[in-house]
Amino acid sequence: MINPFKTKKGLGRGLSSLIGDNEISDSKTTISISSIVRNKYQPRKNFEQNSLDDLAKSIRERGIIQPIIVRKSDEHNDKFEIVAGERRWQAAQNAGLHDVPVVVIKADNLKSLEFAIVENVQRKDLNPIEEAEGYKKLIDEFGYDQDKVSKFIGKTRSHISNCLRLLTLSEKIKKLILEEKLTQGHAKILVGLNNAELLADKIVQKRLSVRQIENLVKVLKFKRNSAKTAKNANILDIENQLSGKLGMRVNLTNKKNNTGRLSVEYRGLDQLNRLVDIIKKNY
């Protein structure tokens, strides 16, 4: 049987190699649209309505050209779960179809997730956060590491790593990315910044470009560094002496009325325990 899902070469394994002729349990057939449920591992959460409307119009005129890939549902009796083609399924419902062409394959949960990610990445349908969450599922639930994800998807390891770093952003910022109010370029700059949410608000309100926000971050960092270097020489000397004694970074802030704050930055429990021991021995 000729595989109907040939895809462009060069992007990971591709849908064609994922399906494999030996995994197809039934040839192309038609089933009721109501007997299909969505893929529980579908990484894509947002389906652009105008695009769905255009596809629905095309389906009304020409039908579904490429069948939907499904597997037997392990959660719903007499139902089939989408493996690839959810957008076509949604558009078919909007077009008023009662039956749709499908190919039933044998696929476990891992294969189902792999299909969904590859299909969306190949078509560039995924939002950066959705893409990152898909990779994280492969890592957390199916034992992939970043190298394996990289080889499987056909993207560089640095691309996978940068995607995953976006998940460290706050829920507020991730929501702005999902709503396409922030681009992936903006998001990369915000990762790891203490004032990330404040900068995100500025980007949205003033419609700042990636270049503009890069320059703004440089200015803010320069101001912080300038403030540090503007410290009194005696204060800096005390900080350096304490840092040398403790082996940890020390920051001393002294106000005009000679009140202030002394903070010690430790990295790991070993340093914390050592700091506690030093204080106990001397006081």
Protein backbone atom coordinates (compact mmCIF):
# COMPACT_ATOMS: atom_id res chain seq x y z
CA MET A 1 0.00 0.00 0.00
CA ILE A 2 1.32 3.47 -0.91
CA ASN A 3 1.61 5.68 2.13
CA PRO A 4 -0.68 8.74 1.64
CA PHE A 5 1.24 10.87 4.13
CA LYS A 6 4.55 11.51 2.39
CA THR A 7 6.11 14.70 3.73
CA LYS A 8 9.09 16.84 2.89
CA LYS A 9 12.45 15.37 3.74
CA GLY A 10 14.83 16.98 6.18
CA LEU A 11 12.65 17.56 9.22
CA GLY A 12 13.30 14.81 11.71
CA ARG A 13 11.57 11.52 10.97
CA GLY A 14 8.46 13.01 9.35
CA LEU A 15 4.89 11.73 9.39
CA SER A 16 5.59 9.15 6.69
CA SER A 17 8.27 7.32 8.66
CA LEU A 18 6.23 7.60 11.86
CA ILE A 19 3.23 5.88 10.33
CA GLY A 20 4.97 3.05 8.54
CA ASP A 21 2.91 0.72 6.35
CA ASN A 22 2.99 -2.08 8.92
CA GLU A 23 1.21 0.09 11.52
CA ILE A 24 -1.87 0.77 9.42
CA SER A 25 -4.60 -1.52 10.75
CA ASP A 26 -7.22 -0.47 8.20
CA SER A 27 -6.96 1.13 4.80
CA LYS A 28 -8.60 4.46 4.07
CA THR A 29 -12.22 4.40 5.24
CA THR A 30 -15.04 6.77 6.19
CA ILE A 31 -16.50 7.07 9.70
CA SER A 32 -18.99 9.28 11.49
CA ILE A 33 -17.51 12.59 12.62
CA SER A 34 -19.24 12.15 15.99
CA SER A 35 -17.29 8.95 16.64
CA ILE A 36 -14.01 10.89 16.72
CA VAL A 37 -12.50 12.52 19.82
CA ARG A 38 -9.55 14.91 19.97
CA ASN A 39 -6.01 13.80 20.75
CA LYS A 40 -5.42 14.10 24.50
CA TYR A 41 -1.76 14.78 23.72
CA GLN A 42 -2.48 17.53 21.18
CA PRO A 43 0.08 20.27 21.96
CA ARG A 44 -1.82 22.86 19.99
CA LYS A 45 -4.38 24.74 22.08
CA ASN A 46 -5.26 27.68 19.84
CA PHE A 47 -6.81 27.25 16.40
CA GLU A 48 -7.09 30.56 14.53
CA GLN A 49 -10.76 31.03 13.67
CA ASN A 50 -10.31 32.79 10.30
CA SER A 51 -8.00 30.02 9.13
CA LEU A 52 -10.54 27.38 10.26
CA ASP A 53 -13.31 29.23 8.39
CA ASP A 54 -11.21 29.25 5.20
CA LEU A 55 -10.52 25.52 5.53
CA ALA A 56 -14.21 24.82 6.20
CA LYS A 57 -15.12 26.69 3.02
CA SER A 58 -12.57 24.66 1.05
CA ILE A 59 -13.92 21.41 2.53
CA ARG A 60 -17.49 22.32 1.54
CA GLU A 61 -16.33 22.84 -2.04
CA ARG A 62 -13.81 20.01 -2.47
CA GLY A 63 -14.19 17.72 0.54
CA ILE A 64 -11.31 16.47 2.71
CA ILE A 65 -8.40 15.64 0.42
CA GLN A 66 -6.06 14.19 3.06
CA PRO A 67 -7.67 11.71 5.48
CA ILE A 68 -7.51 12.18 9.24
CA ILE A 69 -5.19 9.76 11.06
CA VAL A 70 -6.89 8.11 14.02
CA ARG A 71 -6.37 5.28 16.51
CA LYS A 72 -8.87 3.36 18.60
CA SER A 73 -9.56 5.29 21.81
CA ASP A 74 -8.49 3.61 25.03
CA GLU A 75 -10.79 5.88 27.07
CA HIS A 76 -14.02 5.94 25.02
CA ASN A 77 -15.75 2.79 23.79
CA ASP A 78 -16.49 2.67 20.06
CA LYS A 79 -14.61 5.95 19.55
CA PHE A 80 -11.50 6.87 17.60
CA GLU A 81 -8.92 9.37 18.85
CA ILE A 82 -7.26 11.77 16.44
CA VAL A 83 -3.54 11.21 15.97
CA ALA A 84 -3.04 13.83 13.25
CA GLY A 85 -5.52 16.12 11.54
CA GLU A 86 -7.45 17.85 14.35
CA ARG A 87 -7.66 21.09 12.38
CA ARG A 88 -9.31 19.23 9.47
CA TRP A 89 -11.70 17.55 11.92
CA GLN A 90 -12.75 20.88 13.44
CA ALA A 91 -13.16 22.48 10.02
CA ALA A 92 -15.20 19.49 8.82
CA GLN A 93 -17.59 20.02 11.74
CA ASN A 94 -17.88 23.70 10.83
CA ALA A 95 -18.56 22.69 7.23
CA GLY A 96 -21.46 20.48 8.39
CA LEU A 97 -20.00 17.12 7.35
CA HIS A 98 -21.39 13.98 8.98
CA ASP A 99 -18.68 11.56 7.81
CA VAL A 100 -14.96 12.03 7.20
CA PRO A 101 -12.23 9.93 5.56
CA VAL A 102 -9.76 8.40 8.02
CA VAL A 103 -6.86 5.99 8.19
CA VAL A 104 -6.88 3.89 11.36
CA ILE A 105 -3.41 3.10 12.71
CA LYS A 106 -2.01 1.27 15.72
CA ALA A 107 -0.29 3.80 17.97
CA ASP A 108 0.52 3.99 21.67
CA ASN A 109 0.51 7.22 23.69
CA LEU A 110 4.10 8.09 22.80
CA LYS A 111 3.49 7.61 19.10
CA SER A 112 0.34 9.72 19.34
CA LEU A 113 2.26 12.59 20.94
CA GLU A 114 5.06 12.25 18.38
CA PHE A 115 2.57 12.47 15.53
CA ALA A 116 0.88 15.56 16.94
CA ILE A 117 4.17 17.40 17.50
CA VAL A 118 5.68 16.52 14.13
CA GLU A 119 2.53 17.47 12.22
CA ASN A 120 2.29 20.87 13.90
CA VAL A 121 6.02 21.66 13.79
CA GLN A 122 6.22 20.77 10.09
CA ARG A 123 3.35 23.12 9.34
CA LYS A 124 4.61 25.79 11.76
CA ASP A 125 1.22 25.75 13.47
CA LEU A 126 2.45 25.74 17.06
CA ASN A 127 2.81 28.77 19.27
CA PRO A 128 6.30 28.81 20.94
CA ILE A 129 4.77 27.90 24.32
CA GLU A 130 2.73 25.04 22.83
CA GLU A 131 5.85 23.78 21.05
CA ALA A 132 7.86 23.91 24.29
CA GLU A 133 5.13 22.09 26.23
CA GLY A 134 5.10 19.35 23.58
CA TYR A 135 8.86 18.86 23.94
CA LYS A 136 8.52 18.87 27.74
CA LYS A 137 5.93 16.07 27.56
CA LEU A 138 8.37 13.97 25.53
CA ILE A 139 11.03 14.58 28.17
CA ASP A 140 8.92 14.29 31.34
CA GLU A 141 6.47 11.54 30.37
CA PHE A 142 8.40 9.44 27.86
CA GLY A 143 12.03 9.70 28.95
CA TYR A 144 13.41 11.73 26.05
CA ASP A 145 16.39 14.01 26.61
CA GLN A 146 17.05 17.22 24.67
CA ASP A 147 19.42 15.48 22.23
CA LYS A 148 16.83 12.84 21.41
CA VAL A 149 14.10 15.48 20.95
CA SER A 150 16.47 17.41 18.68
CA LYS A 151 17.17 14.40 16.45
CA PHE A 152 13.54 13.33 16.40
CA ILE A 153 12.13 16.75 15.48
CA GLY A 154 14.98 17.74 13.17
CA LYS A 155 15.77 20.97 15.02
CA THR A 156 19.04 21.99 16.65
CA ARG A 157 19.61 21.24 20.32
CA SER A 158 19.91 24.97 21.01
CA HIS A 159 16.45 25.50 19.47
CA ILE A 160 14.99 22.84 21.77
CA SER A 161 16.80 24.33 24.78
CA ASN A 162 15.64 27.87 23.98
CA CYS A 163 12.06 26.66 23.59
CA LEU A 164 12.11 24.91 26.95
CA ARG A 165 13.53 28.01 28.66
CA LEU A 166 10.34 29.87 27.72
CA LEU A 167 8.46 27.66 30.19
CA THR A 168 10.38 29.32 33.04
CA LEU A 169 8.54 32.58 32.32
CA SER A 170 5.61 33.59 34.52
CA GLU A 171 2.07 32.48 33.66
CA LYS A 172 1.20 36.08 32.79
CA ILE A 173 3.96 36.30 30.18
CA LYS A 174 3.22 32.84 28.78
CA LYS A 175 -0.40 33.91 28.35
CA LEU A 176 0.73 36.99 26.37
CA ILE A 177 2.81 34.70 24.12
CA LEU A 178 -0.14 32.33 23.60
CA GLU A 179 -2.29 35.35 22.70
CA GLU A 180 0.45 36.39 20.23
CA LYS A 181 0.92 39.74 21.98
CA LEU A 182 4.57 38.82 22.51
CA THR A 183 6.79 37.14 19.92
CA GLN A 184 9.30 34.38 20.55
CA GLY A 185 12.03 36.99 20.00
CA HIS A 186 10.63 39.14 22.80
CA ALA A 187 10.22 36.11 25.06
CA LYS A 188 13.87 35.00 24.70
CA ILE A 189 15.02 38.39 25.99
CA LEU A 190 12.67 38.26 29.00
CA VAL A 191 13.84 34.85 30.24
CA GLY A 192 15.71 35.19 33.52
CA LEU A 193 15.00 38.90 34.07
CA ASN A 194 13.66 39.98 37.47
CA ASN A 195 11.57 42.71 35.88
CA ALA A 196 10.30 40.52 33.02
CA GLU A 197 6.58 41.23 33.63
CA LEU A 198 7.16 44.99 33.75
CA LEU A 199 9.05 44.83 30.45
CA ALA A 200 6.37 42.59 28.93
CA ASP A 201 3.74 45.21 29.78
CA LYS A 202 5.87 47.89 28.12
CA ILE A 203 6.26 45.77 24.97
CA VAL A 204 2.49 45.32 24.67
CA GLN A 205 1.54 48.89 25.58
CA LYS A 206 4.14 50.62 23.39
CA ARG A 207 4.41 47.91 20.72
CA LEU A 208 8.16 47.72 21.12
CA SER A 209 10.17 45.73 18.58
CA VAL A 210 12.68 43.06 19.56
CA ARG A 211 15.53 45.47 18.80
CA GLN A 212 13.96 48.18 20.96
CA ILE A 213 13.52 45.86 23.95
CA GLU A 214 17.11 44.60 23.53
CA ASN A 215 18.35 48.20 23.74
CA LEU A 216 16.09 48.91 26.74
CA VAL A 217 17.44 45.90 28.63
CA LYS A 218 21.03 47.01 27.89
CA VAL A 219 20.27 50.49 29.25
CA LEU A 220 18.70 49.06 32.43
CA LYS A 221 21.64 46.72 33.01
CA PHE A 222 24.08 49.59 32.46
CA LYS A 223 22.24 51.72 35.02
CA ARG A 224 22.35 48.89 37.59
CA ASN A 225 26.06 48.33 36.99
CA SER A 226 26.70 52.08 37.22
CA ALA A 227 24.86 52.19 40.55
CA LYS A 228 27.06 49.40 41.85
CA THR A 229 30.28 51.10 40.79
CA ALA A 230 29.11 54.36 42.36
CA LYS A 231 29.36 52.85 45.85
CA ASN A 232 31.61 54.42 48.44
CA ALA A 233 35.14 52.97 48.31
CA ASN A 234 34.96 52.01 52.00
CA ILE A 235 31.71 50.09 51.41
CA LEU A 236 33.26 48.24 48.48
CA ASP A 237 36.31 47.41 50.60
CA ILE A 238 34.11 45.93 53.35
CA GLU A 239 32.17 43.88 50.76
CA ASN A 240 35.41 42.54 49.30
CA GLN A 241 36.84 41.65 52.73
CA LEU A 242 33.70 39.81 53.80
CA SER A 243 33.43 38.01 50.45
CA GLY A 244 37.03 36.87 50.84
CA LYS A 245 36.40 35.55 54.35
CA LEU A 246 33.12 33.81 53.56
CA GLY A 247 33.78 32.72 50.00
CA MET A 248 30.36 34.10 49.04
CA ARG A 249 29.09 37.24 47.39
CA VAL A 250 28.31 40.00 49.90
CA ASN A 251 26.26 43.14 49.26
CA LEU A 252 26.27 46.07 51.70
CA THR A 253 23.85 48.97 51.35
CA ASN A 254 24.47 51.93 53.65
CA LYS A 255 22.10 54.92 53.82
CA LYS A 256 22.95 58.48 54.79
CA ASN A 257 21.73 57.92 58.35
CA ASN A 258 24.09 54.91 58.57
CA THR A 259 21.30 52.33 58.49
CA GLY A 260 21.17 49.75 55.77
CA ARG A 261 21.25 46.11 54.82
CA LEU A 262 23.92 43.44 54.63
CA SER A 263 23.12 40.41 52.46
CA VAL A 264 25.08 37.25 51.71
CA GLU A 265 24.38 35.21 48.59
CA TYR A 266 24.89 31.48 49.01
CA ARG A 267 24.70 28.76 46.38
CA GLY A 268 23.53 25.44 47.71
CA LEU A 269 23.05 23.93 51.15
CA ASP A 270 26.79 23.43 51.68
CA GLN A 271 27.42 27.17 51.54
CA LEU A 272 24.39 27.91 53.71
CA ASN A 273 25.52 25.42 56.37
CA ARG A 274 29.04 26.88 56.29
CA LEU A 275 27.65 30.39 56.77
CA VAL A 276 25.50 29.26 59.71
CA ASP A 277 28.51 27.52 61.30
CA ILE A 278 30.64 30.68 60.97
CA ILE A 279 27.96 32.81 62.65
CA LYS A 280 27.45 30.27 65.46
CA LYS A 281 31.19 29.95 66.17
CA ASN A 282 31.73 33.68 66.40
CA TYR A 283 28.58 34.80 68.22
